[in-house]
PDB file of N, CA and C in Angstrom:
ATOM      1  N   MET A   1     -10.015  -0.671   3.958  1.00  0.00           N
ATOM      2  CA  MET A   1      -8.620  -1.002   3.855  1.00  0.00           C
ATOM      3  C   MET A   1      -8.173  -1.536   5.331  1.00  0.00           C
ATOM      4  N   ALA A   2      -7.586  -2.635   5.380  1.00  0.00           N
ATOM      5  CA  ALA A   2      -7.040  -3.277   6.637  1.00  0.00           C
ATOM      6  C   ALA A   2      -5.687  -2.734   6.943  1.00  0.00           C
ATOM      7  N   ASN A   3      -5.519  -2.192   8.087  1.00  0.00           N
ATOM      8  CA  ASN A   3      -4.141  -1.585   8.489  1.00  0.00           C
ATOM      9  C   ASN A   3      -3.806  -2.137   9.881  1.00  0.00           C
ATOM     10  N   VAL A   4      -2.557  -2.478  10.020  1.00  0.00           N
ATOM     11  CA  VAL A   4      -1.969  -2.954  11.352  1.00  0.00           C
ATOM     12  C   VAL A   4      -0.632  -2.238  11.374  1.00  0.00           C
ATOM     13  N   ILE A   5      -0.585  -1.659  12.790  1.00  0.00           N
ATOM     14  CA  ILE A   5       0.747  -1.054  13.065  1.00  0.00           C
ATOM     15  C   ILE A   5       1.163  -1.589  14.364  1.00  0.00           C
ATOM     16  N   GLU A   6       2.388  -2.186  14.386  1.00  0.00           N
ATOM     17  CA  GLU A   6       2.958  -2.767  15.562  1.00  0.00           C
ATOM     18  C   GLU A   6       4.318  -2.104  15.893  1.00  0.00           C
ATOM     19  N   LYS A   7       4.483  -1.708  17.125  1.00  0.00           N
ATOM     20  CA  LYS A   7       5.730  -1.045  17.540  1.00  0.00           C
ATOM     21  C   LYS A   7       6.448  -1.847  18.612  1.00  0.00           C
ATOM     22  N   GLU A   8       7.764  -2.063  18.410  1.00  0.00           N
ATOM     23  CA  GLU A   8       8.595  -2.690  19.475  1.00  0.00           C
ATOM     24  C   GLU A   8       9.940  -2.009  19.540  1.00  0.00           C
ATOM     25  N   ASN A   9      10.280  -1.378  20.561  1.00  0.00           N
ATOM     26  CA  ASN A   9      11.577  -0.615  20.816  1.00  0.00           C
ATOM     27  C   ASN A   9      11.607   0.400  19.692  1.00  0.00           C
ATOM     28  N   ASP A  10      12.635   0.404  18.958  1.00  0.00           N
ATOM     29  CA  ASP A  10      12.844   1.452  17.959  1.00  0.00           C
ATOM     30  C   ASP A  10      12.412   1.004  16.507  1.00  0.00           C
ATOM     31  N   ALA A  11      11.540  -0.033  16.441  1.00  0.00           N
ATOM     32  CA  ALA A  11      11.096  -0.636  15.193  1.00  0.00           C
ATOM     33  C   ALA A  11       9.612  -0.525  15.099  1.00  0.00           C
ATOM     34  N   THR A  12       9.147  -0.207  13.985  1.00  0.00           N
ATOM     35  CA  THR A  12       7.647  -0.179  13.744  1.00  0.00           C
ATOM     36  C   THR A  12       7.414  -0.985  12.457  1.00  0.00           C
ATOM     37  N   LYS A  13       6.416  -1.848  12.571  1.00  0.00           N
ATOM     38  CA  LYS A  13       5.940  -2.671  11.382  1.00  0.00           C
ATOM     39  C   LYS A  13       4.494  -2.122  11.027  1.00  0.00           C
ATOM     40  N   ILE A  14       4.426  -1.933   9.737  1.00  0.00           N
ATOM     41  CA  ILE A  14       3.133  -1.390   9.232  1.00  0.00           C
ATOM     42  C   ILE A  14       2.675  -2.414   8.016  1.00  0.00           C
ATOM     43  N   THR A  15       1.441  -2.870   8.244  1.00  0.00           N
ATOM     44  CA  THR A  15       0.862  -3.836   7.204  1.00  0.00           C
ATOM     45  C   THR A  15      -0.489  -3.114   6.700  1.00  0.00           C
ATOM     46  N   VAL A  16      -0.590  -3.106   5.412  1.00  0.00           N
ATOM     47  CA  VAL A  16      -1.678  -2.533   4.675  1.00  0.00           C
ATOM     48  C   VAL A  16      -2.245  -3.586   3.597  1.00  0.00           C
ATOM     49  N   VAL A  17      -3.517  -3.751   3.648  1.00  0.00           N
ATOM     50  CA  VAL A  17      -4.212  -4.477   2.631  1.00  0.00           C
ATOM     51  C   VAL A  17      -5.300  -3.559   2.007  1.00  0.00           C
ATOM     52  N   PRO A  18      -5.097  -3.129   0.763  1.00  0.00           N
ATOM     53  CA  PRO A  18      -6.056  -2.185   0.156  1.00  0.00           C
ATOM     54  C   PRO A  18      -7.284  -2.956  -0.330  1.00  0.00           C
ATOM     55  N   SER A  19      -8.145  -3.379   0.619  1.00  0.00           N
ATOM     56  CA  SER A  19      -9.280  -4.190   0.444  1.00  0.00           C
ATOM     57  C   SER A  19     -10.357  -3.502  -0.399  1.00  0.00           C
ATOM     58  N   GLY A  20     -10.343  -2.162  -0.411  1.00  0.00           N
ATOM     59  CA  GLY A  20     -11.263  -1.405  -1.186  1.00  0.00           C
ATOM     60  C   GLY A  20     -11.000  -1.212  -2.585  1.00  0.00           C
ATOM     61  N   GLY A  21      -9.794  -1.766  -3.033  1.00  0.00           N
ATOM     62  CA  GLY A  21      -9.385  -1.546  -4.341  1.00  0.00           C
ATOM     63  C   GLY A  21      -8.667  -0.248  -4.668  1.00  0.00           C
ATOM     64  N   TRP A  22      -8.459   0.009  -5.898  1.00  0.00           N
ATOM     65  CA  TRP A  22      -7.776   1.218  -6.325  1.00  0.00           C
ATOM     66  C   TRP A  22      -8.814   2.222  -6.858  1.00  0.00           C
ATOM     67  N   ARG A  23      -8.795   3.366  -6.370  1.00  0.00           N
ATOM     68  CA  ARG A  23      -9.806   4.442  -6.832  1.00  0.00           C
ATOM     69  C   ARG A  23      -9.003   5.589  -7.364  1.00  0.00           C
ATOM     70  N   PRO A  24      -8.607   5.449  -8.695  1.00  0.00           N
ATOM     71  CA  PRO A  24      -7.841   6.472  -9.416  1.00  0.00           C
ATOM     72  C   PRO A  24      -8.753   7.719  -9.599  1.00  0.00           C
ATOM     73  N   LYS A  25      -8.048   8.933  -9.666  1.00  0.00           N
ATOM     74  CA  LYS A  25      -8.775  10.158 -10.047  1.00  0.00           C
ATOM     75  C   LYS A  25      -8.199  10.650 -11.316  1.00  0.00           C
ATOM     76  N   PRO A  26      -8.331   9.963 -12.443  1.00  0.00           N
ATOM     77  CA  PRO A  26      -7.695  10.427 -13.664  1.00  0.00           C
ATOM     78  C   PRO A  26      -8.344  11.671 -14.217  1.00  0.00           C
ATOM     79  N   ALA A  27      -7.527  12.608 -14.770  1.00  0.00           N
ATOM     80  CA  ALA A  27      -8.105  13.826 -15.273  1.00  0.00           C
ATOM     81  C   ALA A  27      -8.484  13.552 -16.795  1.00  0.00           C
ATOM     82  N   LYS A  28      -7.871  12.660 -17.507  1.00  0.00           N
ATOM     83  CA  LYS A  28      -8.142  12.427 -18.866  1.00  0.00           C
ATOM     84  C   LYS A  28      -9.293  11.418 -19.088  1.00  0.00           C
ATOM     85  N   LEU A  29     -10.134  11.798 -20.042  1.00  0.00           N
ATOM     86  CA  LEU A  29     -11.328  11.025 -20.276  1.00  0.00           C
ATOM     87  C   LEU A  29     -10.992   9.548 -20.735  1.00  0.00           C
ATOM     88  N   SER A  30      -9.843   9.452 -21.540  1.00  0.00           N
ATOM     89  CA  SER A  30      -9.394   8.029 -21.870  1.00  0.00           C
ATOM     90  C   SER A  30      -9.057   7.187 -20.654  1.00  0.00           C
ATOM     91  N   LEU A  31      -8.451   7.807 -19.614  1.00  0.00           N
ATOM     92  CA  LEU A  31      -8.113   7.018 -18.483  1.00  0.00           C
ATOM     93  C   LEU A  31      -9.303   6.604 -17.672  1.00  0.00           C
ATOM     94  N   ARG A  32     -10.233   7.466 -17.634  1.00  0.00           N
ATOM     95  CA  ARG A  32     -11.581   7.241 -16.808  1.00  0.00           C
ATOM     96  C   ARG A  32     -12.213   6.089 -17.610  1.00  0.00           C
ATOM     97  N   PHE A  33     -12.255   6.042 -18.872  1.00  0.00           N
ATOM     98  CA  PHE A  33     -12.951   5.024 -19.707  1.00  0.00           C
ATOM     99  C   PHE A  33     -12.099   3.660 -19.432  1.00  0.00           C
ATOM    100  N   LEU A  34     -10.895   3.645 -19.525  1.00  0.00           N
ATOM    101  CA  LEU A  34     -10.040   2.460 -19.245  1.00  0.00           C
ATOM    102  C   LEU A  34     -10.332   1.791 -17.895  1.00  0.00           C
ATOM    103  N   TYR A  35     -10.434   2.714 -16.801  1.00  0.00           N
ATOM    104  CA  TYR A  35     -10.605   2.115 -15.440  1.00  0.00           C
ATOM    105  C   TYR A  35     -12.073   1.581 -15.339  1.00  0.00           C
ATOM    106  N   LYS A  36     -12.911   2.224 -16.093  1.00  0.00           N
ATOM    107  CA  LYS A  36     -14.392   1.785 -15.998  1.00  0.00           C
ATOM    108  C   LYS A  36     -14.636   0.422 -16.793  1.00  0.00           C
ATOM    109  N   VAL A  37     -13.948   0.267 -17.934  1.00  0.00           N
ATOM    110  CA  VAL A  37     -14.142  -0.938 -18.683  1.00  0.00           C
ATOM    111  C   VAL A  37     -13.196  -2.134 -18.212  1.00  0.00           C
ATOM    112  N   ALA A  38     -11.983  -1.766 -17.885  1.00  0.00           N
ATOM    113  CA  ALA A  38     -11.049  -2.868 -17.507  1.00  0.00           C
ATOM    114  C   ALA A  38     -10.990  -2.893 -15.945  1.00  0.00           C
ATOM    115  N   LYS A  39     -11.880  -3.644 -15.282  1.00  0.00           N
ATOM    116  CA  LYS A  39     -12.040  -3.706 -13.881  1.00  0.00           C
ATOM    117  C   LYS A  39     -10.704  -4.167 -13.129  1.00  0.00           C
ATOM    118  N   ILE A  40      -9.945  -4.995 -13.855  1.00  0.00           N
ATOM    119  CA  ILE A  40      -8.745  -5.460 -13.272  1.00  0.00           C
ATOM    120  C   ILE A  40      -7.812  -4.411 -12.759  1.00  0.00           C
ATOM    121  N   PHE A  41      -7.803  -3.231 -13.353  1.00  0.00           N
ATOM    122  CA  PHE A  41      -7.042  -2.087 -12.868  1.00  0.00           C
ATOM    123  C   PHE A  41      -7.515  -1.567 -11.517  1.00  0.00           C
ATOM    124  N   LYS A  42      -8.722  -1.775 -11.315  1.00  0.00           N
ATOM    125  CA  LYS A  42      -9.325  -1.256  -9.993  1.00  0.00           C
ATOM    126  C   LYS A  42      -9.199  -2.465  -8.923  1.00  0.00           C
ATOM    127  N   ASN A  43      -9.319  -3.625  -9.284  1.00  0.00           N
ATOM    128  CA  ASN A  43      -9.484  -4.704  -8.330  1.00  0.00           C
ATOM    129  C   ASN A  43      -8.063  -5.459  -7.930  1.00  0.00           C
ATOM    130  N   TRP A  44      -7.057  -5.301  -8.718  1.00  0.00           N
ATOM    131  CA  TRP A  44      -5.807  -6.024  -8.434  1.00  0.00           C
ATOM    132  C   TRP A  44      -5.241  -5.651  -7.068  1.00  0.00           C
ATOM    133  N   PRO A  45      -5.321  -4.469  -6.514  1.00  0.00           N
ATOM    134  CA  PRO A  45      -4.638  -4.253  -5.248  1.00  0.00           C
ATOM    135  C   PRO A  45      -5.373  -4.998  -4.094  1.00  0.00           C
ATOM    136  N   LYS A  46      -6.662  -5.474  -4.282  1.00  0.00           N
ATOM    137  CA  LYS A  46      -7.274  -6.292  -3.236  1.00  0.00           C
ATOM    138  C   LYS A  46      -6.643  -7.583  -2.930  1.00  0.00           C
ATOM    139  N   THR A  47      -5.724  -7.993  -3.843  1.00  0.00           N
ATOM    140  CA  THR A  47      -5.117  -9.255  -3.666  1.00  0.00           C
ATOM    141  C   THR A  47      -3.654  -9.221  -3.159  1.00  0.00           C
ATOM    142  N   TYR A  48      -3.124  -8.006  -2.719  1.00  0.00           N
ATOM    143  CA  TYR A  48      -1.851  -7.779  -2.285  1.00  0.00           C
ATOM    144  C   TYR A  48      -1.834  -7.194  -0.830  1.00  0.00           C
ATOM    145  N   GLN A  49      -0.743  -7.401  -0.170  1.00  0.00           N
ATOM    146  CA  GLN A  49      -0.448  -6.828   1.121  1.00  0.00           C
ATOM    147  C   GLN A  49       0.873  -6.098   1.029  1.00  0.00           C
ATOM    148  N   TRP A  50       0.971  -4.892   1.603  1.00  0.00           N
ATOM    149  CA  TRP A  50       2.100  -4.034   1.699  1.00  0.00           C
ATOM    150  C   TRP A  50       2.578  -4.102   3.106  1.00  0.00           C
ATOM    151  N   THR A  51       3.838  -4.486   3.365  1.00  0.00           N
ATOM    152  CA  THR A  51       4.388  -4.555   4.715  1.00  0.00           C
ATOM    153  C   THR A  51       5.684  -3.667   4.681  1.00  0.00           C
ATOM    154  N   ALA A  52       5.863  -2.777   5.691  1.00  0.00           N
ATOM    155  CA  ALA A  52       7.042  -1.968   5.800  1.00  0.00           C
ATOM    156  C   ALA A  52       7.608  -2.104   7.379  1.00  0.00           C
ATOM    157  N   MET A  53       8.821  -2.191   7.317  1.00  0.00           N
ATOM    158  CA  MET A  53       9.634  -2.243   8.571  1.00  0.00           C
ATOM    159  C   MET A  53      10.420  -0.876   8.737  1.00  0.00           C
ATOM    160  N   ILE A  54      10.110  -0.094   9.669  1.00  0.00           N
ATOM    161  CA  ILE A  54      10.735   1.298   9.813  1.00  0.00           C
ATOM    162  C   ILE A  54      11.583   1.200  11.120  1.00  0.00           C
ATOM    163  N   SER A  55      12.893   1.437  11.053  1.00  0.00           N
ATOM    164  CA  SER A  55      13.612   1.362  12.341  1.00  0.00           C
ATOM    165  C   SER A  55      14.358   2.735  12.500  1.00  0.00           C
ATOM    166  N   LYS A  56      14.512   3.142  13.663  1.00  0.00           N
ATOM    167  CA  LYS A  56      15.185   4.293  14.077  1.00  0.00           C
ATOM    168  C   LYS A  56      16.703   4.141  14.234  1.00  0.00           C
ATOM    169  N   LYS A  57      17.417   4.845  13.586  1.00  0.00           N
ATOM    170  CA  LYS A  57      18.942   4.738  13.723  1.00  0.00           C
ATOM    171  C   LYS A  57      19.498   5.967  14.494  1.00  0.00           C
ATOM    172  N   LYS A  58      20.810   6.092  14.326  1.00  0.00           N
ATOM    173  CA  LYS A  58      21.387   7.126  15.152  1.00  0.00           C
ATOM    174  C   LYS A  58      20.948   8.477  14.680  1.00  0.00           C
ATOM    175  N   ASN A  59      21.045   9.527  15.503  1.00  0.00           N
ATOM    176  CA  ASN A  59      20.791  10.960  15.247  1.00  0.00           C
ATOM    177  C   ASN A  59      19.440  11.097  14.519  1.00  0.00           C
ATOM    178  N   MET A  60      18.424  10.349  15.018  1.00  0.00           N
ATOM    179  CA  MET A  60      16.986  10.512  14.602  1.00  0.00           C
ATOM    180  C   MET A  60      16.893  10.227  13.076  1.00  0.00           C
ATOM    181  N   GLU A  61      17.725   9.365  12.524  1.00  0.00           N
ATOM    182  CA  GLU A  61      17.570   8.878  11.176  1.00  0.00           C
ATOM    183  C   GLU A  61      16.720   7.704  11.073  1.00  0.00           C
ATOM    184  N   PHE A  62      15.954   7.550  10.069  1.00  0.00           N
ATOM    185  CA  PHE A  62      15.058   6.270   9.982  1.00  0.00           C
ATOM    186  C   PHE A  62      15.422   5.624   8.672  1.00  0.00           C
ATOM    187  N   HIS A  63      15.156   4.298   8.723  1.00  0.00           N
ATOM    188  CA  HIS A  63      15.449   3.360   7.675  1.00  0.00           C
ATOM    189  C   HIS A  63      14.120   2.509   7.345  1.00  0.00           C
ATOM    190  N   MET A  64      13.729   2.444   6.127  1.00  0.00           N
ATOM    191  CA  MET A  64      12.498   1.694   5.878  1.00  0.00           C
ATOM    192  C   MET A  64      12.794   0.569   4.830  1.00  0.00           C
ATOM    193  N   ILE A  65      12.382  -0.570   5.087  1.00  0.00           N
ATOM    194  CA  ILE A  65      12.373  -1.644   4.110  1.00  0.00           C
ATOM    195  C   ILE A  65      10.926  -2.042   3.868  1.00  0.00           C
ATOM    196  N   SER A  66      10.480  -2.133   2.687  1.00  0.00           N
ATOM    197  CA  SER A  66       9.002  -2.494   2.389  1.00  0.00           C
ATOM    198  C   SER A  66       8.993  -3.440   1.292  1.00  0.00           C
ATOM    199  N   SER A  67       7.807  -4.100   1.169  1.00  0.00           N
ATOM    200  CA  SER A  67       7.582  -4.998   0.000  1.00  0.00           C
ATOM    201  C   SER A  67       6.136  -5.322  -0.092  1.00  0.00           C
ATOM    202  N   TRP A  68       5.754  -5.737  -1.296  1.00  0.00           N
ATOM    203  CA  TRP A  68       4.345  -6.166  -1.626  1.00  0.00           C
ATOM    204  C   TRP A  68       4.445  -7.638  -1.767  1.00  0.00           C
ATOM    205  N   LYS A  69       3.339  -8.272  -1.260  1.00  0.00           N
ATOM    206  CA  LYS A  69       3.204  -9.711  -1.299  1.00  0.00           C
ATOM    207  C   LYS A  69       1.770 -10.020  -1.685  1.00  0.00           C
ATOM    208  N   ARG A  70       1.665 -10.943  -2.584  1.00  0.00           N
ATOM    209  CA  ARG A  70       0.264 -11.448  -2.956  1.00  0.00           C
ATOM    210  C   ARG A  70      -0.266 -12.432  -1.853  1.00  0.00           C
ATOM    211  N   ILE A  71      -1.528 -12.180  -1.523  1.00  0.00           N
ATOM    212  CA  ILE A  71      -2.125 -12.862  -0.418  1.00  0.00           C
ATOM    213  C   ILE A  71      -3.193 -13.808  -0.951  1.00  0.00           C
TER     214      ILE A  71
END
C-alpha cells in the first residue's frame, strides 16, 4: 500500500493507494467463495486513490474532507 502524509500548519493531507488490493476476512463460506471466484472484488481497490484533508479548527476540533479518485 502506498501512503503519503503531508503536514502544513494546521492542515494534514493523507493519500492512500491500496496497491495490495482488498483482503476481506469473511466468516461465511458463501462470501469466501465469491471473493475467490470473482477476482474483481479483490482487485478493484488497486485502481483507486483515497485522499483526505484534515484541518484543525478552534478548541481542538478537527474537520476532514475525503474522496476516492480512479487513477
